[in-house]
Protein backbone atom coordinates (compact mmCIF):
# COMPACT_ATOMS: atom_id res chain seq x y z
CA MET A 1 2.10 -31.30 -13.62
CA LEU A 2 0.24 -33.58 -16.02
CA THR A 3 -1.93 -36.04 -14.09
CA ALA A 4 -4.26 -37.31 -16.83
CA ALA A 5 -4.70 -36.69 -20.52
CA ILE A 6 -6.03 -38.33 -23.68
CA PRO A 7 -3.59 -39.40 -26.41
CA PHE A 8 -4.23 -37.80 -29.79
CA PRO A 9 -6.06 -40.19 -32.16
CA ASP A 10 -3.57 -39.76 -34.98
CA ILE A 11 -5.49 -40.87 -38.08
CA GLY A 12 -3.47 -38.75 -40.48
CA THR A 13 -4.41 -35.74 -42.58
CA ASP A 14 -5.50 -37.81 -45.60
CA LEU A 15 -8.52 -40.05 -45.97
CA PHE A 16 -6.65 -41.88 -48.73
CA SER A 17 -3.97 -41.21 -51.32
CA ILE A 18 -3.24 -42.67 -54.76
CA GLU A 19 0.16 -42.56 -56.43
CA ILE A 20 0.26 -42.49 -60.24
CA GLY A 21 3.88 -42.32 -61.29
CA SER A 22 5.37 -39.23 -59.71
CA PHE A 23 1.94 -37.72 -59.04
CA THR A 24 0.14 -38.29 -55.74
CA PHE A 25 -3.56 -37.58 -55.36
CA ALA A 26 -4.74 -37.30 -51.76
CA LEU A 27 -8.21 -36.63 -50.38
CA ARG A 28 -7.67 -34.68 -47.19
CA TRP A 29 -10.09 -34.63 -44.29
CA TYR A 30 -10.33 -30.86 -44.62
CA ALA A 31 -11.39 -31.09 -48.28
CA LEU A 32 -13.90 -33.80 -47.39
CA ALA A 33 -15.31 -31.55 -44.66
CA TYR A 34 -15.85 -28.78 -47.21
CA ILE A 35 -17.53 -31.14 -49.67
CA ILE A 36 -19.88 -32.78 -47.16
CA GLY A 37 -20.59 -29.46 -45.43
CA ILE A 38 -21.64 -27.87 -48.73
CA LEU A 39 -23.83 -30.86 -49.62
CA ILE A 40 -25.60 -30.82 -46.24
CA GLY A 41 -26.05 -27.06 -46.47
CA TRP A 42 -27.52 -27.45 -49.96
CA ARG A 43 -30.03 -30.02 -48.70
CA ILE A 44 -31.04 -27.74 -45.81
CA CYS A 45 -31.63 -24.91 -48.28
CA LEU A 46 -33.83 -27.13 -50.45
CA ALA A 47 -35.80 -28.34 -47.43
CA ALA A 48 -36.43 -24.74 -46.36
CA VAL A 49 -37.54 -23.37 -49.74
CA ASN A 50 -39.84 -26.38 -50.23
CA ARG A 51 -41.88 -25.17 -47.22
CA PRO A 52 -43.51 -21.87 -48.27
CA ALA A 53 -45.31 -21.62 -44.90
CA LEU A 54 -41.95 -20.85 -43.28
CA TRP A 55 -41.47 -17.67 -45.29
CA PRO A 56 -43.06 -14.21 -45.61
CA PRO A 57 -46.09 -13.86 -47.93
CA ALA A 58 -43.77 -13.27 -50.92
CA GLY A 59 -42.47 -16.82 -50.44
CA PRO A 60 -38.93 -18.27 -50.38
CA PRO A 61 -36.21 -16.02 -51.82
CA LEU A 62 -34.85 -18.67 -54.20
CA ASP A 63 -36.01 -21.75 -56.08
CA ARG A 64 -34.03 -24.94 -56.59
CA GLU A 65 -32.31 -23.76 -59.77
CA GLN A 66 -31.33 -20.44 -58.20
CA ILE A 67 -29.90 -22.22 -55.15
CA GLU A 68 -27.73 -24.36 -57.40
CA ASN A 69 -26.56 -21.27 -59.30
CA LEU A 70 -25.80 -19.48 -56.03
CA LEU A 71 -23.79 -22.48 -54.86
CA THR A 72 -21.06 -21.77 -57.42
CA TRP A 73 -20.78 -18.20 -56.19
CA ILE A 74 -20.63 -19.38 -52.58
CA ILE A 75 -17.81 -21.85 -53.25
CA LEU A 76 -15.77 -19.11 -54.93
CA GLY A 77 -16.52 -16.73 -52.07
CA VAL A 78 -15.41 -19.26 -49.46
CA ILE A 79 -12.13 -20.11 -51.19
CA VAL A 80 -11.10 -16.64 -52.36
CA GLY A 81 -12.36 -14.82 -49.28
CA GLY A 82 -11.02 -17.41 -46.86
CA ARG A 83 -7.55 -17.31 -48.39
CA LEU A 84 -7.33 -13.52 -48.72
CA GLY A 85 -8.66 -13.14 -45.18
CA PHE A 86 -5.86 -15.31 -43.83
CA VAL A 87 -3.29 -13.38 -45.87
CA LEU A 88 -4.53 -9.94 -44.78
CA PHE A 89 -5.51 -10.66 -41.17
CA TYR A 90 -2.78 -13.01 -40.01
CA GLN A 91 0.40 -12.93 -42.13
CA PRO A 92 0.36 -9.88 -44.45
CA GLY A 93 4.11 -9.28 -44.17
CA TYR A 94 5.06 -12.81 -45.21
CA TYR A 95 2.72 -12.91 -48.21
CA LEU A 96 3.69 -9.40 -49.31
CA ALA A 97 7.27 -10.67 -49.53
CA ASN A 98 6.18 -13.98 -51.12
CA PRO A 99 3.08 -13.19 -53.24
CA LEU A 100 3.11 -16.49 -55.15
CA GLU A 101 2.57 -18.32 -51.85
CA ILE A 102 -0.95 -16.85 -51.77
CA LEU A 103 -1.96 -19.26 -54.53
CA LYS A 104 -0.88 -22.36 -52.57
CA VAL A 105 -4.23 -22.93 -50.88
CA TRP A 106 -3.54 -26.66 -50.56
CA GLN A 107 -0.80 -25.92 -48.03
CA GLY A 108 -3.38 -24.54 -45.59
CA GLY A 109 -4.14 -21.08 -44.34
CA MET A 110 -7.83 -20.12 -44.47
CA SER A 111 -9.75 -17.61 -42.38
CA PHE A 112 -13.41 -18.04 -41.45
CA HIS A 113 -13.92 -14.29 -41.24
CA GLY A 114 -12.42 -13.85 -44.70
CA GLY A 115 -14.57 -16.66 -46.08
CA PHE A 116 -17.61 -15.08 -44.44
CA ALA A 117 -16.84 -11.76 -46.13
CA GLY A 118 -16.33 -13.54 -49.45
CA VAL A 119 -19.68 -15.31 -49.16
CA GLY A 120 -21.37 -12.04 -48.21
CA ILE A 121 -20.00 -10.25 -51.27
CA ALA A 122 -20.90 -13.18 -53.53
CA ALA A 123 -24.46 -13.31 -52.16
CA LEU A 124 -24.86 -9.54 -52.54
CA ILE A 125 -23.79 -9.62 -56.19
CA PHE A 126 -26.02 -12.63 -56.89
CA CYS A 127 -29.09 -11.05 -55.27
CA LEU A 128 -28.59 -7.75 -57.10
CA ARG A 129 -28.25 -9.54 -60.44
CA GLN A 130 -31.23 -11.81 -59.80
CA LYS A 131 -33.31 -9.14 -58.02
CA ARG A 132 -33.86 -11.38 -55.00
CA SER A 133 -34.26 -10.51 -51.30
CA LEU A 134 -30.80 -10.17 -49.78
CA LEU A 135 -31.98 -10.59 -46.17
CA SER A 136 -34.03 -13.73 -46.83
CA THR A 137 -31.20 -15.19 -48.93
CA ALA A 138 -28.81 -14.44 -46.08
CA ASP A 139 -31.17 -16.27 -43.70
CA LEU A 140 -31.06 -19.28 -46.01
CA LEU A 141 -27.26 -19.22 -45.99
CA ALA A 142 -27.22 -18.83 -42.21
CA LEU A 143 -29.21 -22.07 -41.92
CA ALA A 144 -26.83 -23.85 -44.29
CA THR A 145 -23.51 -22.78 -42.75
CA PRO A 146 -23.23 -24.55 -39.33
CA PRO A 147 -22.80 -28.10 -40.72
CA GLY A 148 -19.73 -26.92 -42.63
CA LEU A 149 -18.39 -25.20 -39.52
CA PHE A 150 -18.90 -28.36 -37.47
CA LEU A 151 -17.14 -30.60 -39.98
CA GLY A 152 -14.40 -28.05 -40.65
CA ARG A 153 -13.48 -27.85 -36.96
CA LEU A 154 -13.43 -31.65 -36.74
CA ALA A 155 -11.02 -31.59 -39.68
CA ASN A 156 -8.87 -29.04 -37.83
CA PHE A 157 -8.71 -31.55 -34.98
CA THR A 158 -7.77 -34.54 -37.15
CA ASN A 159 -5.18 -32.37 -38.93
CA ASN A 160 -3.55 -31.60 -35.56
CA GLU A 161 -3.87 -27.83 -36.04
CA LEU A 162 -5.36 -24.84 -34.19
CA TRP A 163 -5.03 -26.66 -30.87
CA GLY A 164 -5.64 -24.96 -27.55
CA ARG A 165 -3.53 -23.71 -24.68
CA PRO A 166 -1.82 -26.02 -22.18
CA THR A 167 -4.15 -27.35 -19.49
CA ASP A 168 -4.60 -30.16 -16.98
CA VAL A 169 -8.36 -30.69 -17.42
CA PRO A 170 -9.33 -34.39 -17.63
CA TRP A 171 -10.24 -34.14 -21.33
CA ALA A 172 -6.94 -32.49 -22.33
CA ILE A 173 -5.32 -33.90 -25.47
CA ILE A 174 -1.64 -34.68 -25.98
CA PHE A 175 -1.20 -33.36 -29.52
CA PRO A 176 1.85 -34.74 -31.36
CA GLY A 177 4.59 -32.68 -32.94
CA GLU A 178 7.35 -30.45 -31.67
CA ALA A 179 5.31 -27.25 -31.86
CA ALA A 180 2.46 -28.69 -29.78
CA GLN A 181 4.91 -29.89 -27.14
CA VAL A 182 6.59 -26.53 -26.60
CA CYS A 183 4.89 -25.35 -23.41
CA ASP A 184 6.47 -22.81 -21.08
CA GLY A 185 6.96 -24.10 -17.56
CA ILE A 186 5.96 -27.69 -18.39
CA THR A 187 8.38 -30.59 -18.40
CA GLY A 188 7.47 -33.89 -19.99
CA LEU A 189 4.34 -34.30 -22.08
CA CYS A 190 2.21 -31.20 -22.64
CA ALA A 191 -1.57 -31.59 -22.90
CA ARG A 192 -3.79 -28.93 -24.43
CA HIS A 193 -7.41 -27.86 -24.71
CA PRO A 194 -9.07 -29.49 -27.75
CA SER A 195 -10.31 -26.04 -28.76
CA GLN A 196 -11.23 -27.29 -32.24
CA LEU A 197 -13.86 -29.53 -30.64
CA TYR A 198 -15.14 -26.66 -28.50
CA GLU A 199 -15.72 -24.67 -31.68
CA ALA A 200 -17.31 -27.63 -33.46
CA LEU A 201 -19.84 -28.01 -30.65
CA LEU A 202 -20.60 -24.31 -30.18
CA GLU A 203 -20.37 -22.86 -33.71
CA GLY A 204 -21.57 -25.97 -35.50
CA LEU A 205 -23.82 -28.20 -33.44
CA LEU A 206 -25.34 -25.80 -30.90
CA LEU A 207 -25.72 -22.80 -33.21
CA GLY A 208 -26.99 -24.97 -36.06
CA THR A 209 -29.61 -26.62 -33.84
CA LEU A 210 -30.77 -23.22 -32.57
CA LEU A 211 -31.14 -21.84 -36.10
CA LEU A 212 -33.13 -24.86 -37.28
CA TYR A 213 -35.41 -24.59 -34.25
CA LEU A 214 -36.03 -20.88 -34.81
CA ALA A 215 -36.72 -21.44 -38.51
CA TRP A 216 -38.95 -24.51 -38.29
CA ARG A 217 -40.64 -24.03 -34.91
CA ARG A 218 -40.63 -20.29 -34.23
CA SER A 219 -41.17 -18.92 -37.77
CA TRP A 220 -38.19 -16.56 -37.66
CA LEU A 221 -37.80 -16.80 -41.44
CA LYS A 222 -40.91 -14.61 -41.64
CA ALA A 223 -38.76 -11.76 -40.27
CA PRO A 224 -36.07 -11.38 -42.98
CA GLY A 225 -32.64 -10.90 -41.47
CA ALA A 226 -33.47 -12.26 -38.01
CA LEU A 227 -31.80 -15.64 -38.49
CA THR A 228 -28.79 -13.95 -40.04
CA GLY A 229 -28.59 -11.80 -36.93
CA VAL A 230 -28.71 -14.87 -34.69
CA PHE A 231 -25.97 -16.53 -36.73
CA LEU A 232 -23.71 -13.48 -36.60
CA THR A 233 -24.24 -12.96 -32.88
CA GLY A 234 -23.98 -16.65 -32.03
CA TYR A 235 -20.83 -17.23 -34.04
CA GLY A 236 -19.18 -14.07 -32.73
CA LEU A 237 -19.89 -14.97 -29.11
CA ALA A 238 -18.85 -18.62 -29.54
CA ARG A 239 -15.61 -17.73 -31.32
CA SER A 240 -14.75 -15.00 -28.79
CA PHE A 241 -15.30 -17.46 -25.93
CA VAL A 242 -13.21 -20.25 -27.45
CA GLU A 243 -10.40 -17.78 -28.17
CA LEU A 244 -9.82 -17.84 -24.40
CA PHE A 245 -8.70 -21.47 -24.78
CA ARG A 246 -6.99 -21.41 -28.20
CA GLN A 247 -3.24 -21.24 -28.57
CA PRO A 248 -2.21 -17.63 -29.25
CA ASP A 249 -1.45 -16.58 -32.81
CA MET A 250 2.34 -16.79 -32.78
CA GLN A 251 2.81 -13.88 -35.18
CA PHE A 252 1.42 -11.57 -32.48
CA VAL A 253 3.36 -13.06 -29.55
CA THR A 254 6.14 -10.92 -28.07
CA ALA A 255 7.83 -10.70 -24.67
CA GLU A 256 5.42 -7.90 -23.76
CA ASN A 257 2.43 -9.69 -25.33
CA PRO A 258 2.76 -13.41 -24.45
CA ILE A 259 -0.97 -14.11 -24.99
CA GLY A 260 -0.76 -13.01 -28.63
CA HIS A 261 -3.37 -10.26 -28.48
CA ALA A 262 -3.87 -8.38 -31.74
CA LEU A 263 -4.95 -5.38 -29.65
CA HIS A 264 -3.48 -5.21 -26.18
CA PHE A 265 -3.23 -2.80 -23.30
CA GLY A 266 -0.81 -4.20 -20.75
CA GLU A 267 -2.01 -7.68 -19.79
CA TRP A 268 -5.46 -7.13 -21.31
CA GLY A 269 -6.46 -7.27 -24.93
CA LEU A 270 -8.27 -9.02 -27.76
CA THR A 271 -7.02 -11.77 -30.05
CA MET A 272 -7.44 -11.34 -33.79
CA GLY A 273 -10.37 -13.76 -33.70
CA GLN A 274 -12.08 -11.63 -31.06
CA VAL A 275 -11.34 -8.40 -32.93
CA LEU A 276 -12.92 -9.80 -36.10
CA SER A 277 -15.87 -11.27 -34.18
CA ALA A 278 -16.80 -8.04 -32.41
CA PRO A 279 -18.35 -6.41 -35.53
CA MET A 280 -20.28 -9.63 -36.17
CA ILE A 281 -21.86 -9.47 -32.72
CA VAL A 282 -22.82 -5.80 -33.07
CA THR A 283 -24.18 -6.28 -36.60
CA GLY A 284 -26.08 -9.40 -35.56
CA LEU A 285 -27.82 -7.70 -32.66
CA ALA A 286 -28.69 -4.74 -34.87
CA LEU A 287 -30.14 -7.09 -37.52
CA ILE A 288 -32.32 -8.89 -34.97
CA PHE A 289 -33.64 -5.56 -33.67
CA TYR A 290 -34.26 -4.26 -37.20
CA SER A 291 -36.00 -7.45 -38.36
CA PHE A 292 -38.43 -7.65 -35.48
CA SER A 293 -39.06 -3.91 -35.55
CA HIS A 294 -40.21 -4.23 -39.16
CA PHE A 295 -41.49 -7.80 -39.44
CA GLY A 296 -42.09 -8.93 -35.87
CA SER A 297 -45.85 -9.35 -36.16
CA ALA A 298 -45.42 -11.70 -39.12
CA ALA A 299 -42.86 -13.81 -37.28
CA ASP A 300 -45.22 -14.22 -34.35
CA GLN A 301 -47.67 -16.14 -36.58
CA ARG A 302 -46.37 -19.67 -36.30
CA PRO A 303 -47.54 -22.09 -39.01
CA ASN A 304 -49.51 -25.09 -37.80
CA THR A 305 -48.80 -27.29 -40.80
CA VAL A 306 -45.01 -27.13 -40.99
CA VAL A 307 -43.23 -30.32 -39.96
């Protein structure tokens, strides 16, 4: 029984819209989150490469011009990888039957894990072409990513999407819409976990703060790959934890699998988000071990002049 809950602050999916004849241009919160997230990430990258004392003796992996060139690759990687990841991981059958729907990115449907893979491939190609350090470049991208994650999850919240499972915790949110109000065993209003905000705090704010601290105060950029390992491990753990509170992926829900596990054994299993996060955790831990096995002594030398 619902005893207390917070009404959803319905501010709409658009920041503003302009109608010109039959054409309507709308700036959506989600698009704004991408734009601001990329700009903040770009500024973090510039701040890091402008402090040579943070890096190994060879110096930062990129200069300002190279960062701006890489940015184009990253944007393409996010969009193409994020869309294809959603298509392949979550609704392959639907898009196989309706291939033109894949192009309709503006209708929603992006996957972080797909976007992550797209960025990784883009960064790999860029570093090979430019003959730059892949691990140090990856560390730079790891520093730049959390602001976009934070803002993206806030946009998920304002868009009234990816909400959590029904709950009666005091901070539960009554999300509007018929789909959000379909809750088994609950009559009247159904309140849910604001799982988007959980992810914003864990994947964006907490992980981002940790990475900045390790880079600026603990000299982890001197061990190429270490910060990337922390990002992979931290994101994988945070996402796997929040999956316990997120609404199940409906395409996996059946009578025998009501939780929507992508892999399940009776009542136990893993959601698709947890399945995709598991390799990130393993790879991240391996990267941290590798980095400090090879560069640990350099990372222990903290600069005294970096502020």
